[in-house]
Amino acid sequence: MLSTYVPIVGLFALAAAFALFSVTVAPFVGPRRYNRAKLEAYECGIEPVDQPLQGGRFPVKYYLTAMLFIVFDIEIVFLYPWAVANDALGVFGLVEMVVFIATVFLAYAYVWRRGGLEWD
């Protein structure tokens, strides 16, 4: 019974060995050209600014954008299984998916109308 899992365990072992080997060997074989620009913090092309020790405040729009990303990401997660089992679900699956997409579209339209997608 356990013999069916041997290929999976072997694949995990091979992946772990490759990951450990890559991380271990990279500092020895990779180039080392340190300069001031490489040692600075990178903030998406924006010059980094000094923050107080407590950290800075993030605008609320940052969190709203993150939550919207999660909502639409979850929608895609629900669409994949439906697309795979579309024939087996029949008309019931189609109706349920239309209701689901309509609900998400209404939320999207609401957020768009309220200006939640505009980054100031």
Protein backbone atom coordinates (compact mmCIF):
# COMPACT_ATOMS: atom_id res chain seq x y z
CA MET A 1 0.00 0.00 0.00
CA LEU A 2 2.81 2.42 0.78
CA SER A 3 4.54 1.61 -2.50
CA THR A 4 2.12 3.91 -4.34
CA TYR A 5 3.51 6.88 -2.39
CA VAL A 6 7.17 6.15 -3.13
CA PRO A 7 7.28 8.31 -6.31
CA ILE A 8 5.69 11.25 -4.47
CA VAL A 9 8.09 10.96 -1.54
CA GLY A 10 10.98 10.66 -4.00
CA LEU A 11 9.85 13.80 -5.80
CA PHE A 12 9.64 15.73 -2.53
CA ALA A 13 13.08 14.46 -1.51
CA LEU A 14 14.53 15.48 -4.88
CA ALA A 15 12.94 18.94 -4.62
CA ALA A 16 14.24 19.42 -1.07
CA ALA A 17 17.73 18.28 -2.07
CA PHE A 18 17.76 20.66 -5.04
CA ALA A 19 16.56 23.57 -2.88
CA LEU A 20 19.17 22.92 -0.18
CA PHE A 21 21.91 22.47 -2.77
CA SER A 22 20.97 25.72 -4.54
CA VAL A 23 20.88 27.75 -1.34
CA THR A 24 24.15 26.26 -0.09
CA VAL A 25 26.15 26.66 -3.30
CA ALA A 26 24.86 30.09 -4.42
CA PRO A 27 27.05 32.21 -2.11
CA PHE A 28 30.18 30.42 -3.30
CA VAL A 29 29.62 30.46 -7.06
CA GLY A 30 27.60 33.67 -7.46
CA PRO A 31 29.16 37.05 -8.26
CA ARG A 32 29.92 39.43 -5.42
CA ARG A 33 29.85 43.01 -6.63
CA TYR A 34 28.59 45.01 -3.68
CA ASN A 35 28.04 48.73 -4.00
CA ARG A 36 26.07 51.36 -2.15
CA ALA A 37 22.97 51.06 -4.35
CA LYS A 38 22.72 47.30 -3.87
CA LEU A 39 22.91 47.57 -0.10
CA GLU A 40 20.05 50.09 0.15
CA ALA A 41 16.44 49.09 0.70
CA TYR A 42 14.40 48.86 -2.50
CA GLU A 43 10.90 50.30 -2.48
CA CYS A 44 9.47 49.72 -5.97
CA GLY A 45 11.64 52.31 -7.66
CA ILE A 46 10.85 55.03 -5.11
CA GLU A 47 13.64 56.53 -3.05
CA PRO A 48 13.43 55.03 0.44
CA VAL A 49 12.57 57.48 3.19
CA ASP A 50 13.55 57.26 6.83
CA GLN A 51 10.73 55.95 9.00
CA PRO A 52 10.35 56.45 12.74
CA LEU A 53 11.19 53.44 14.89
CA GLN A 54 7.51 52.56 15.30
CA GLY A 55 7.08 52.33 11.54
CA GLY A 56 5.02 54.47 9.26
CA ARG A 57 1.30 54.55 8.67
CA PHE A 58 -0.12 52.92 5.59
CA PRO A 59 -3.06 54.58 3.87
CA VAL A 60 -6.42 52.83 4.11
CA LYS A 61 -6.51 52.48 0.31
CA TYR A 62 -3.59 50.07 0.59
CA TYR A 63 -5.67 47.70 2.70
CA LEU A 64 -8.74 48.14 0.50
CA THR A 65 -6.70 47.23 -2.57
CA ALA A 66 -5.34 44.17 -0.79
CA MET A 67 -8.84 43.02 0.21
CA LEU A 68 -10.12 43.54 -3.34
CA PHE A 69 -7.24 41.46 -4.65
CA ILE A 70 -8.16 38.67 -2.25
CA VAL A 71 -11.84 38.79 -3.26
CA PHE A 72 -11.06 38.50 -6.97
CA ASP A 73 -8.38 35.89 -6.32
CA ILE A 74 -10.94 33.76 -4.47
CA GLU A 75 -13.32 34.17 -7.40
CA ILE A 76 -10.72 32.69 -9.72
CA VAL A 77 -10.17 29.80 -7.28
CA PHE A 78 -13.88 28.99 -7.52
CA LEU A 79 -13.92 29.29 -11.32
CA TYR A 80 -11.24 26.65 -11.95
CA PRO A 81 -13.09 23.65 -10.47
CA TRP A 82 -16.31 24.78 -12.11
CA ALA A 83 -14.60 24.93 -15.51
CA VAL A 84 -13.19 21.44 -15.04
CA ALA A 85 -16.48 19.88 -13.94
CA ASN A 86 -18.75 21.99 -16.15
CA ASP A 87 -20.28 19.01 -18.02
CA ALA A 88 -20.98 17.03 -14.85
CA LEU A 89 -22.71 19.95 -13.08
CA GLY A 90 -25.22 20.64 -15.82
CA VAL A 91 -27.71 23.50 -15.69
CA PHE A 92 -27.60 23.70 -11.88
CA GLY A 93 -23.85 24.43 -11.98
CA LEU A 94 -24.36 27.04 -14.68
CA VAL A 95 -27.06 28.85 -12.69
CA GLU A 96 -24.99 28.77 -9.51
CA MET A 97 -21.94 30.17 -11.31
CA VAL A 98 -24.00 32.94 -12.93
CA VAL A 99 -25.35 33.91 -9.50
CA PHE A 100 -21.82 33.85 -8.06
CA ILE A 101 -20.33 35.95 -10.87
CA ALA A 102 -23.24 38.40 -10.70
CA THR A 103 -22.68 38.85 -6.96
CA VAL A 104 -18.97 39.48 -7.45
CA PHE A 105 -19.69 41.83 -10.37
CA LEU A 106 -22.10 43.86 -8.21
CA ALA A 107 -19.42 44.18 -5.54
CA TYR A 108 -16.92 45.23 -8.21
CA ALA A 109 -19.33 47.84 -9.62
CA TYR A 110 -19.98 49.18 -6.11
CA VAL A 111 -16.28 49.53 -5.36
CA TRP A 112 -15.64 51.12 -8.76
CA ARG A 113 -18.50 53.60 -8.26
CA ARG A 114 -17.25 54.55 -4.79
CA GLY A 115 -13.73 55.21 -6.17
CA GLY A 116 -12.01 52.34 -4.40
CA LEU A 117 -9.98 51.44 -7.49
CA GLU A 118 -8.41 54.88 -7.91
CA TRP A 119 -4.97 55.20 -6.41
CA ASP A 120 -4.22 58.81 -5.41
